[in-house]
Amino acid sequence: DYVDLCVRHVHYQLNGRSYQGTVSDQLAKVKVGQKLS
């Protein structure tokens, strides 16, 4: 009835610009009760 996953939050600085993982950044900020596709 459930599935677990382990996520490393990808984010870094390069040449003065900030980068975030397209999905991992959003998963790192998700809250209980939210829904994911």
PDB file of all heavy atoms in Angstrom:
ATOM      1  N   ASP A   1       0.799  -1.226   0.000  1.00  0.00           N
ATOM      2  CA  ASP A   1       0.000   0.000   0.000  1.00  0.00           C
ATOM      3  C   ASP A   1       0.830   1.274   0.000  1.00  0.00           C
ATOM      4  O   ASP A   1       0.284   2.368  -0.032  1.00  0.00           O
ATOM      5  CB  ASP A   1      -0.953   0.014   1.207  1.00  0.00           C
ATOM      6  CG  ASP A   1      -2.030  -1.058   1.100  1.00  0.00           C
ATOM      7  OD1 ASP A   1      -2.363  -1.434  -0.044  1.00  0.00           O
ATOM      8  OD2 ASP A   1      -2.516  -1.528   2.137  1.00  0.00           O
ATOM      9  N   TYR A   2       2.148   1.145   0.077  1.00  0.00           N
ATOM     10  CA  TYR A   2       2.980   2.347  -0.021  1.00  0.00           C
ATOM     11  C   TYR A   2       4.311   1.988  -0.656  1.00  0.00           C
ATOM     12  O   TYR A   2       4.673   0.818  -0.784  1.00  0.00           O
ATOM     13  CB  TYR A   2       3.176   3.012   1.346  1.00  0.00           C
ATOM     14  CG  TYR A   2       3.960   2.226   2.369  1.00  0.00           C
ATOM     15  CD1 TYR A   2       5.349   2.103   2.285  1.00  0.00           C
ATOM     16  CD2 TYR A   2       3.323   1.628   3.459  1.00  0.00           C
ATOM     17  CE1 TYR A   2       6.070   1.403   3.231  1.00  0.00           C
ATOM     18  CE2 TYR A   2       4.034   0.919   4.416  1.00  0.00           C
ATOM     19  CZ  TYR A   2       5.416   0.813   4.297  1.00  0.00           C
ATOM     20  OH  TYR A   2       6.135   0.116   5.242  1.00  0.00           O
ATOM     21  N   VAL A   3       5.033   3.025  -1.052  1.00  0.00           N
ATOM     22  CA  VAL A   3       6.346   2.840  -1.648  1.00  0.00           C
ATOM     23  C   VAL A   3       7.285   3.886  -1.057  1.00  0.00           C
ATOM     24  O   VAL A   3       6.898   5.026  -0.827  1.00  0.00           O
ATOM     25  CB  VAL A   3       6.277   2.963  -3.189  1.00  0.00           C
ATOM     26  CG1 VAL A   3       5.810   4.350  -3.621  1.00  0.00           C
ATOM     27  CG2 VAL A   3       7.616   2.641  -3.840  1.00  0.00           C
ATOM     28  N   ASP A   4       8.520   3.466  -0.768  1.00  0.00           N
ATOM     29  CA  ASP A   4       9.518   4.361  -0.194  1.00  0.00           C
ATOM     30  C   ASP A   4      10.571   4.704  -1.242  1.00  0.00           C
ATOM     31  O   ASP A   4      10.909   3.874  -2.094  1.00  0.00           O
ATOM     32  CB  ASP A   4      10.217   3.710   1.003  1.00  0.00           C
ATOM     33  CG  ASP A   4       9.287   3.519   2.190  1.00  0.00           C
ATOM     34  OD1 ASP A   4       8.247   4.197   2.241  1.00  0.00           O
ATOM     35  OD2 ASP A   4       9.608   2.693   3.068  1.00  0.00           O
ATOM     36  N   LEU A   5      11.117   5.912  -1.143  1.00  0.00           N
ATOM     37  CA  LEU A   5      12.242   6.272  -1.989  1.00  0.00           C
ATOM     38  C   LEU A   5      13.223   7.139  -1.214  1.00  0.00           C
ATOM     39  O   LEU A   5      12.872   7.765  -0.209  1.00  0.00           O
ATOM     40  CB  LEU A   5      11.804   6.974  -3.272  1.00  0.00           C
ATOM     41  CG  LEU A   5      11.033   8.287  -3.190  1.00  0.00           C
ATOM     42  CD1 LEU A   5      11.226   9.066  -4.481  1.00  0.00           C
ATOM     43  CD2 LEU A   5       9.546   8.043  -2.992  1.00  0.00           C
ATOM     44  N   CYS A   6      14.454   7.128  -1.683  1.00  0.00           N
ATOM     45  CA  CYS A   6      15.548   7.842  -1.028  1.00  0.00           C
ATOM     46  C   CYS A   6      16.076   8.873  -2.028  1.00  0.00           C
ATOM     47  O   CYS A   6      16.476   8.522  -3.144  1.00  0.00           O
ATOM     48  CB  CYS A   6      16.629   6.836  -0.641  1.00  0.00           C
ATOM     49  SG  CYS A   6      18.064   7.527   0.184  1.00  0.00           S
ATOM     50  N   VAL A   7      16.065  10.150  -1.642  1.00  0.00           N
ATOM     51  CA  VAL A   7      16.358  11.235  -2.584  1.00  0.00           C
ATOM     52  C   VAL A   7      17.482  12.123  -2.050  1.00  0.00           C
ATOM     53  O   VAL A   7      17.398  12.621  -0.922  1.00  0.00           O
ATOM     54  CB  VAL A   7      15.106  12.107  -2.820  1.00  0.00           C
ATOM     55  CG1 VAL A   7      15.424  13.228  -3.812  1.00  0.00           C
ATOM     56  CG2 VAL A   7      13.941  11.265  -3.304  1.00  0.00           C
ATOM     57  N   ARG A   8      18.503  12.332  -2.858  1.00  0.00           N
ATOM     58  CA  ARG A   8      19.532  13.321  -2.508  1.00  0.00           C
ATOM     59  C   ARG A   8      19.166  14.640  -3.186  1.00  0.00           C
ATOM     60  O   ARG A   8      18.890  14.686  -4.388  1.00  0.00           O
ATOM     61  CB  ARG A   8      20.920  12.875  -2.960  1.00  0.00           C
ATOM     62  CG  ARG A   8      22.022  13.853  -2.497  1.00  0.00           C
ATOM     63  CD  ARG A   8      23.409  13.379  -2.901  1.00  0.00           C
ATOM     64  NE  ARG A   8      23.802  12.160  -2.231  1.00  0.00           N
ATOM     65  CZ  ARG A   8      24.266  12.085  -0.989  1.00  0.00           C
ATOM     66  NH1 ARG A   8      24.357  13.180  -0.252  1.00  0.00           N
ATOM     67  NH2 ARG A   8      24.622  10.936  -0.473  1.00  0.00           N
ATOM     68  N   HIS A   9      19.154  15.698  -2.404  1.00  0.00           N
ATOM     69  CA  HIS A   9      18.808  17.022  -2.911  1.00  0.00           C
ATOM     70  C   HIS A   9      19.976  17.588  -3.717  1.00  0.00           C
ATOM     71  O   HIS A   9      21.023  17.927  -3.167  1.00  0.00           O
ATOM     72  CB  HIS A   9      18.473  17.948  -1.740  1.00  0.00           C
ATOM     73  CG  HIS A   9      18.044  19.313  -2.162  1.00  0.00           C
ATOM     74  ND1 HIS A   9      18.027  20.390  -1.305  1.00  0.00           N
ATOM     75  CD2 HIS A   9      17.598  19.786  -3.356  1.00  0.00           C
ATOM     76  CE1 HIS A   9      17.599  21.468  -1.946  1.00  0.00           C
ATOM     77  NE2 HIS A   9      17.342  21.121  -3.201  1.00  0.00           N
ATOM     78  N   VAL A  10      19.803  17.694  -5.023  1.00  0.00           N
ATOM     79  CA  VAL A  10      20.852  18.211  -5.901  1.00  0.00           C
ATOM     80  C   VAL A  10      20.733  19.730  -5.987  1.00  0.00           C
ATOM     81  O   VAL A  10      19.721  20.260  -6.450  1.00  0.00           O
ATOM     82  CB  VAL A  10      20.755  17.591  -7.308  1.00  0.00           C
ATOM     83  CG1 VAL A  10      21.809  18.207  -8.226  1.00  0.00           C
ATOM     84  CG2 VAL A  10      20.914  16.075  -7.232  1.00  0.00           C
ATOM     85  N   HIS A  11      21.745  20.428  -5.509  1.00  0.00           N
ATOM     86  CA  HIS A  11      21.812  21.889  -5.683  1.00  0.00           C
ATOM     87  C   HIS A  11      23.261  22.317  -5.520  1.00  0.00           C
ATOM     88  O   HIS A  11      24.017  21.736  -4.731  1.00  0.00           O
ATOM     89  CB  HIS A  11      20.897  22.605  -4.679  1.00  0.00           C
ATOM     90  CG  HIS A  11      21.318  22.462  -3.257  1.00  0.00           C
ATOM     91  ND1 HIS A  11      22.078  23.398  -2.594  1.00  0.00           N
ATOM     92  CD2 HIS A  11      21.118  21.464  -2.361  1.00  0.00           C
ATOM     93  CE1 HIS A  11      22.306  22.997  -1.363  1.00  0.00           C
ATOM     94  NE2 HIS A  11      21.743  21.830  -1.187  1.00  0.00           N
ATOM     95  N   TYR A  12      23.674  23.328  -6.277  1.00  0.00           N
ATOM     96  CA  TYR A  12      25.075  23.749  -6.255  1.00  0.00           C
ATOM     97  C   TYR A  12      25.219  25.130  -6.900  1.00  0.00           C
ATOM     98  O   TYR A  12      24.281  25.643  -7.531  1.00  0.00           O
ATOM     99  CB  TYR A  12      25.959  22.729  -6.995  1.00  0.00           C
ATOM    100  CG  TYR A  12      25.507  22.427  -8.403  1.00  0.00           C
ATOM    101  CD1 TYR A  12      26.039  23.137  -9.491  1.00  0.00           C
ATOM    102  CD2 TYR A  12      24.553  21.450  -8.660  1.00  0.00           C
ATOM    103  CE1 TYR A  12      25.613  22.873 -10.785  1.00  0.00           C
ATOM    104  CE2 TYR A  12      24.126  21.172  -9.948  1.00  0.00           C
ATOM    105  CZ  TYR A  12      24.659  21.890 -11.009  1.00  0.00           C
ATOM    106  OH  TYR A  12      24.231  21.639 -12.285  1.00  0.00           O
ATOM    107  N   GLN A  13      26.392  25.697  -6.737  1.00  0.00           N
ATOM    108  CA  GLN A  13      26.745  26.981  -7.343  1.00  0.00           C
ATOM    109  C   GLN A  13      27.815  26.744  -8.403  1.00  0.00           C
ATOM    110  O   GLN A  13      28.738  25.955  -8.193  1.00  0.00           O
ATOM    111  CB  GLN A  13      27.290  27.935  -6.275  1.00  0.00           C
ATOM    112  CG  GLN A  13      26.302  28.320  -5.193  1.00  0.00           C
ATOM    113  CD  GLN A  13      25.374  29.427  -5.632  1.00  0.00           C
ATOM    114  OE1 GLN A  13      25.715  30.247  -6.474  1.00  0.00           O
ATOM    115  NE2 GLN A  13      24.191  29.467  -5.038  1.00  0.00           N
ATOM    116  N   LEU A  14      27.687  27.426  -9.537  1.00  0.00           N
ATOM    117  CA  LEU A  14      28.688  27.315 -10.595  1.00  0.00           C
ATOM    118  C   LEU A  14      28.751  28.648 -11.336  1.00  0.00           C
ATOM    119  O   LEU A  14      27.733  29.136 -11.837  1.00  0.00           O
ATOM    120  CB  LEU A  14      28.318  26.189 -11.570  1.00  0.00           C
ATOM    121  CG  LEU A  14      29.308  25.918 -12.707  1.00  0.00           C
ATOM    122  CD1 LEU A  14      30.649  25.425 -12.152  1.00  0.00           C
ATOM    123  CD2 LEU A  14      28.741  24.889 -13.690  1.00  0.00           C
ATOM    124  N   ASN A  15      29.936  29.224 -11.376  1.00  0.00           N
ATOM    125  CA  ASN A  15      30.137  30.497 -12.067  1.00  0.00           C
ATOM    126  C   ASN A  15      29.140  31.574 -11.638  1.00  0.00           C
ATOM    127  O   ASN A  15      28.602  32.328 -12.456  1.00  0.00           O
ATOM    128  CB  ASN A  15      30.051  30.291 -13.590  1.00  0.00           C
ATOM    129  CG  ASN A  15      31.138  29.354 -14.095  1.00  0.00           C
ATOM    130  OD1 ASN A  15      32.252  29.342 -13.577  1.00  0.00           O
ATOM    131  ND2 ASN A  15      30.811  28.545 -15.092  1.00  0.00           N
ATOM    132  N   GLY A  16      28.879  31.612 -10.327  1.00  0.00           N
ATOM    133  CA  GLY A  16      28.014  32.650  -9.797  1.00  0.00           C
ATOM    134  C   GLY A  16      26.533  32.407  -9.966  1.00  0.00           C
ATOM    135  O   GLY A  16      25.717  33.273  -9.625  1.00  0.00           O
ATOM    136  N   ARG A  17      26.165  31.247 -10.467  1.00  0.00           N
ATOM    137  CA  ARG A  17      24.743  30.937 -10.672  1.00  0.00           C
ATOM    138  C   ARG A  17      24.338  29.741  -9.824  1.00  0.00           C
ATOM    139  O   ARG A  17      25.130  28.808  -9.629  1.00  0.00           O
ATOM    140  CB  ARG A  17      24.478  30.651 -12.150  1.00  0.00           C
ATOM    141  CG  ARG A  17      23.010  30.449 -12.475  1.00  0.00           C
ATOM    142  CD  ARG A  17      22.787  30.172 -13.954  1.00  0.00           C
ATOM    143  NE  ARG A  17      21.494  29.532 -14.130  1.00  0.00           N
ATOM    144  CZ  ARG A  17      21.196  28.668 -15.078  1.00  0.00           C
ATOM    145  NH1 ARG A  17      22.114  28.316 -15.964  1.00  0.00           N
ATOM    146  NH2 ARG A  17      19.997  28.137 -15.157  1.00  0.00           N
ATOM    147  N   SER A  18      23.110  29.745  -9.303  1.00  0.00           N
ATOM    148  CA  SER A  18      22.587  28.637  -8.501  1.00  0.00           C
ATOM    149  C   SER A  18      21.849  27.647  -9.389  1.00  0.00           C
ATOM    150  O   SER A  18      21.103  28.044 -10.288  1.00  0.00           O
ATOM    151  CB  SER A  18      21.635  29.163  -7.424  1.00  0.00           C
ATOM    152  OG  SER A  18      22.321  30.006  -6.523  1.00  0.00           O
ATOM    153  N   TYR A  19      22.051  26.343  -9.106  1.00  0.00           N
ATOM    154  CA  TYR A  19      21.391  25.279  -9.865  1.00  0.00           C
ATOM    155  C   TYR A  19      20.686  24.332  -8.893  1.00  0.00           C
ATOM    156  O   TYR A  19      21.169  24.109  -7.777  1.00  0.00           O
ATOM    157  CB  TYR A  19      22.402  24.470 -10.680  1.00  0.00           C
ATOM    158  CG  TYR A  19      23.163  25.258 -11.718  1.00  0.00           C
ATOM    159  CD1 TYR A  19      24.234  26.070 -11.339  1.00  0.00           C
ATOM    160  CD2 TYR A  19      22.817  25.185 -13.059  1.00  0.00           C
ATOM    161  CE1 TYR A  19      24.941  26.799 -12.284  1.00  0.00           C
ATOM    162  CE2 TYR A  19      23.534  25.899 -14.012  1.00  0.00           C
ATOM    163  CZ  TYR A  19      24.593  26.701 -13.624  1.00  0.00           C
ATOM    164  OH  TYR A  19      25.282  27.424 -14.569  1.00  0.00           O
ATOM    165  N   GLN A  20      19.570  23.769  -9.333  1.00  0.00           N
ATOM    166  CA  GLN A  20      18.834  22.787  -8.541  1.00  0.00           C
ATOM    167  C   GLN A  20      18.436  21.616  -9.434  1.00  0.00           C
ATOM    168  O   GLN A  20      18.145  21.801 -10.618  1.00  0.00           O
ATOM    169  CB  GLN A  20      17.559  23.392  -7.925  1.00  0.00           C
ATOM    170  CG  GLN A  20      17.799  24.475  -6.898  1.00  0.00           C
ATOM    171  CD  GLN A  20      18.084  25.827  -7.525  1.00  0.00           C
ATOM    172  OE1 GLN A  20      17.582  26.137  -8.603  1.00  0.00           O
ATOM    173  NE2 GLN A  20      18.890  26.638  -6.854  1.00  0.00           N
ATOM    174  N   GLY A  21      18.416  20.431  -8.841  1.00  0.00           N
ATOM    175  CA  GLY A  21      17.919  19.272  -9.572  1.00  0.00           C
ATOM    176  C   GLY A  21      16.452  19.479  -9.916  1.00  0.00           C
ATOM    177  O   GLY A  21      15.665  19.911  -9.061  1.00  0.00           O
ATOM    178  N   THR A  22      16.067  19.185 -11.135  1.00  0.00           N
ATOM    179  CA  THR A  22      14.709  19.471 -11.600  1.00  0.00           C
ATOM    180  C   THR A  22      13.661  18.834 -10.706  1.00  0.00           C
ATOM    181  O   THR A  22      12.659  19.461 -10.355  1.00  0.00           O
ATOM    182  CB  THR A  22      14.524  18.975 -13.054  1.00  0.00           C
ATOM    183  OG1 THR A  22      15.520  19.595 -13.876  1.00  0.00           O
ATOM    184  CG2 THR A  22      13.138  19.321 -13.583  1.00  0.00           C
ATOM    185  N   VAL A  23      13.879  17.571 -10.317  1.00  0.00           N
ATOM    186  CA  VAL A  23      12.900  16.872  -9.487  1.00  0.00           C
ATOM    187  C   VAL A  23      13.347  16.833  -8.029  1.00  0.00           C
ATOM    188  O   VAL A  23      12.541  17.054  -7.115  1.00  0.00           O
ATOM    189  CB  VAL A  23      12.660  15.438 -10.010  1.00  0.00           C
ATOM    190  CG1 VAL A  23      11.712  14.676  -9.090  1.00  0.00           C
ATOM    191  CG2 VAL A  23      12.075  15.484 -11.424  1.00  0.00           C
ATOM    192  N   SER A  24      14.623  16.579  -7.792  1.00  0.00           N
ATOM    193  CA  SER A  24      15.081  16.411  -6.409  1.00  0.00           C
ATOM    194  C   SER A  24      14.854  17.670  -5.582  1.00  0.00           C
ATOM    195  O   SER A  24      14.565  17.593  -4.383  1.00  0.00           O
ATOM    196  CB  SER A  24      16.558  16.010  -6.372  1.00  0.00           C
ATOM    197  OG  SER A  24      17.400  17.088  -6.751  1.00  0.00           O
ATOM    198  N   ASP A  25      14.974  18.838  -6.192  1.00  0.00           N
ATOM    199  CA  ASP A  25      14.762  20.079  -5.455  1.00  0.00           C
ATOM    200  C   ASP A  25      13.323  20.189  -4.966  1.00  0.00           C
ATOM    201  O   ASP A  25      13.062  20.635  -3.847  1.00  0.00           O
ATOM    202  CB  ASP A  25      15.104  21.283  -6.343  1.00  0.00           C
ATOM    203  CG  ASP A  25      15.000  22.600  -5.596  1.00  0.00           C
ATOM    204  OD1 ASP A  25      15.739  22.779  -4.617  1.00  0.00           O
ATOM    205  OD2 ASP A  25      14.154  23.435  -5.981  1.00  0.00           O
ATOM    206  N   GLN A  26      12.390  19.739  -5.820  1.00  0.00           N
ATOM    207  CA  GLN A  26      10.987  19.806  -5.425  1.00  0.00           C
ATOM    208  C   GLN A  26      10.646  18.723  -4.411  1.00  0.00           C
ATOM    209  O   GLN A  26       9.848  18.937  -3.494  1.00  0.00           O
ATOM    210  CB  GLN A  26      10.104  19.712  -6.681  1.00  0.00           C
ATOM    211  CG  GLN A  26      10.339  20.906  -7.608  1.00  0.00           C
ATOM    212  CD  GLN A  26       9.539  20.846  -8.892  1.00  0.00           C
ATOM    213  OE1 GLN A  26       8.314  20.787  -8.868  1.00  0.00           O
ATOM    214  NE2 GLN A  26      10.226  20.880 -10.026  1.00  0.00           N
ATOM    215  N   LEU A  27      11.274  17.550  -4.534  1.00  0.00           N
ATOM    216  CA  LEU A  27      11.035  16.484  -3.560  1.00  0.00           C
ATOM    217  C   LEU A  27      11.616  16.851  -2.192  1.00  0.00           C
ATOM    218  O   LEU A  27      11.067  16.476  -1.157  1.00  0.00           O
ATOM    219  CB  LEU A  27      11.657  15.170  -4.045  1.00  0.00           C
ATOM    220  CG  LEU A  27      11.017  14.530  -5.277  1.00  0.00           C
ATOM    221  CD1 LEU A  27      11.729  13.228  -5.628  1.00  0.00           C
ATOM    222  CD2 LEU A  27       9.534  14.267  -5.058  1.00  0.00           C
ATOM    223  N   ALA A  28      12.718  17.592  -2.188  1.00  0.00           N
ATOM    224  CA  ALA A  28      13.335  17.988  -0.924  1.00  0.00           C
ATOM    225  C   ALA A  28      12.454  18.963  -0.150  1.00  0.00           C
ATOM    226  O   ALA A  28      12.627  19.122   1.066  1.00  0.00           O
ATOM    227  CB  ALA A  28      14.696  18.618  -1.195  1.00  0.00           C
ATOM    228  N   LYS A  29      11.516  19.594  -0.833  1.00  0.00           N
ATOM    229  CA  LYS A  29      10.668  20.599  -0.193  1.00  0.00           C
ATOM    230  C   LYS A  29       9.223  20.132  -0.022  1.00  0.00           C
ATOM    231  O   LYS A  29       8.369  20.899   0.412  1.00  0.00           O
ATOM    232  CB  LYS A  29      10.703  21.886  -1.020  1.00  0.00           C
ATOM    233  CG  LYS A  29      12.102  22.481  -1.136  1.00  0.00           C
ATOM    234  CD  LYS A  29      12.169  23.592  -2.164  1.00  0.00           C
ATOM    235  CE  LYS A  29      13.601  24.117  -2.311  1.00  0.00           C
ATOM    236  NZ  LYS A  29      13.720  25.127  -3.389  1.00  0.00           N
ATOM    237  N   VAL A  30       8.949  18.879  -0.363  1.00  0.00           N
ATOM    238  CA  VAL A  30       7.580  18.379  -0.312  1.00  0.00           C
ATOM    239  C   VAL A  30       7.127  18.198   1.137  1.00  0.00           C
ATOM    240  O   VAL A  30       7.937  17.963   2.035  1.00  0.00           O
ATOM    241  CB  VAL A  30       7.474  17.042  -1.091  1.00  0.00           C
ATOM    242  CG1 VAL A  30       8.068  15.889  -0.298  1.00  0.00           C
ATOM    243  CG2 VAL A  30       6.047  16.761  -1.512  1.00  0.00           C
ATOM    244  N   LYS A  31       5.826  18.321   1.367  1.00  0.00           N
ATOM    245  CA  LYS A  31       5.251  18.197   2.703  1.00  0.00           C
ATOM    246  C   LYS A  31       4.280  17.013   2.757  1.00  0.00           C
ATOM    247  O   LYS A  31       3.696  16.621   1.742  1.00  0.00           O
ATOM    248  CB  LYS A  31       4.505  19.477   3.089  1.00  0.00           C
ATOM    249  CG  LYS A  31       5.335  20.750   2.998  1.00  0.00           C
ATOM    250  CD  LYS A  31       6.485  20.749   4.000  1.00  0.00           C
ATOM    251  CE  LYS A  31       7.271  22.061   3.933  1.00  0.00           C
ATOM    252  NZ  LYS A  31       8.455  22.038   4.817  1.00  0.00           N
ATOM    253  N   VAL A  32       4.113  16.467   3.959  1.00  0.00           N
ATOM    254  CA  VAL A  32       3.139  15.388   4.158  1.00  0.00           C
ATOM    255  C   VAL A  32       1.750  15.893   3.752  1.00  0.00           C
ATOM    256  O   VAL A  32       1.350  17.006   4.096  1.00  0.00           O
ATOM    257  CB  VAL A  32       3.129  14.933   5.631  1.00  0.00           C
ATOM    258  CG1 VAL A  32       1.975  13.968   5.897  1.00  0.00           C
ATOM    259  CG2 VAL A  32       4.462  14.276   5.993  1.00  0.00           C
ATOM    260  N   GLY A  33       1.040  15.064   3.005  1.00  0.00           N
ATOM    261  CA  GLY A  33      -0.288  15.434   2.542  1.00  0.00           C
ATOM    262  C   GLY A  33      -0.314  15.922   1.112  1.00  0.00           C
ATOM    263  O   GLY A  33      -1.365  15.883   0.459  1.00  0.00           O
ATOM    264  N   GLN A  34       0.842  16.376   0.598  1.00  0.00           N
ATOM    265  CA  GLN A  34       0.905  16.771  -0.804  1.00  0.00           C
ATOM    266  C   GLN A  34       0.800  15.528  -1.686  1.00  0.00           C
ATOM    267  O   GLN A  34       1.009  14.397  -1.223  1.00  0.00           O
ATOM    268  CB  GLN A  34       2.214  17.501  -1.104  1.00  0.00           C
ATOM    269  CG  GLN A  34       2.263  18.929  -0.611  1.00  0.00           C
ATOM    270  CD  GLN A  34       3.555  19.614  -1.017  1.00  0.00           C
ATOM    271  OE1 GLN A  34       4.289  20.118  -0.182  1.00  0.00           O
ATOM    272  NE2 GLN A  34       3.848  19.614  -2.304  1.00  0.00           N
ATOM    273  N   LYS A  35       0.508  15.730  -2.962  1.00  0.00           N
ATOM    274  CA  LYS A  35       0.434  14.611  -3.895  1.00  0.00           C
ATOM    275  C   LYS A  35       1.469  14.789  -5.001  1.00  0.00           C
ATOM    276  O   LYS A  35       1.715  15.895  -5.472  1.00  0.00           O
ATOM    277  CB  LYS A  35      -0.966  14.491  -4.470  1.00  0.00           C
ATOM    278  CG  LYS A  35      -1.984  14.024  -3.432  1.00  0.00           C
ATOM    279  CD  LYS A  35      -3.307  13.628  -4.047  1.00  0.00           C
ATOM    280  CE  LYS A  35      -4.242  13.045  -2.989  1.00  0.00           C
ATOM    281  NZ  LYS A  35      -5.546  12.628  -3.561  1.00  0.00           N
ATOM    282  N   LEU A  36       2.062  13.664  -5.388  1.00  0.00           N
ATOM    283  CA  LEU A  36       3.059  13.647  -6.445  1.00  0.00           C
ATOM    284  C   LEU A  36       2.578  12.776  -7.599  1.00  0.00           C
ATOM    285  O   LEU A  36       1.934  11.747  -7.383  1.00  0.00           O
ATOM    286  CB  LEU A  36       4.386  13.096  -5.917  1.00  0.00           C
ATOM    287  CG  LEU A  36       5.080  13.895  -4.808  1.00  0.00           C
ATOM    288  CD1 LEU A  36       6.284  13.112  -4.282  1.00  0.00           C
ATOM    289  CD2 LEU A  36       5.516  15.254  -5.318  1.00  0.00           C
ATOM    290  N   SER A  37       2.905  13.177  -8.812  1.00  0.00           N
ATOM    291  CA  SER A  37       2.556  12.395 -10.001  1.00  0.00           C
ATOM    292  C   SER A  37       3.630  11.336 -10.215  1.00  0.00           C
ATOM    293  O   SER A  37       4.792  11.675 -10.481  1.00  0.00           O
ATOM    294  CB  SER A  37       2.462  13.310 -11.227  1.00  0.00           C
ATOM    295  OG  SER A  37       1.459  14.279 -11.042  1.00  0.00           O
TER     296      SER A  37
END
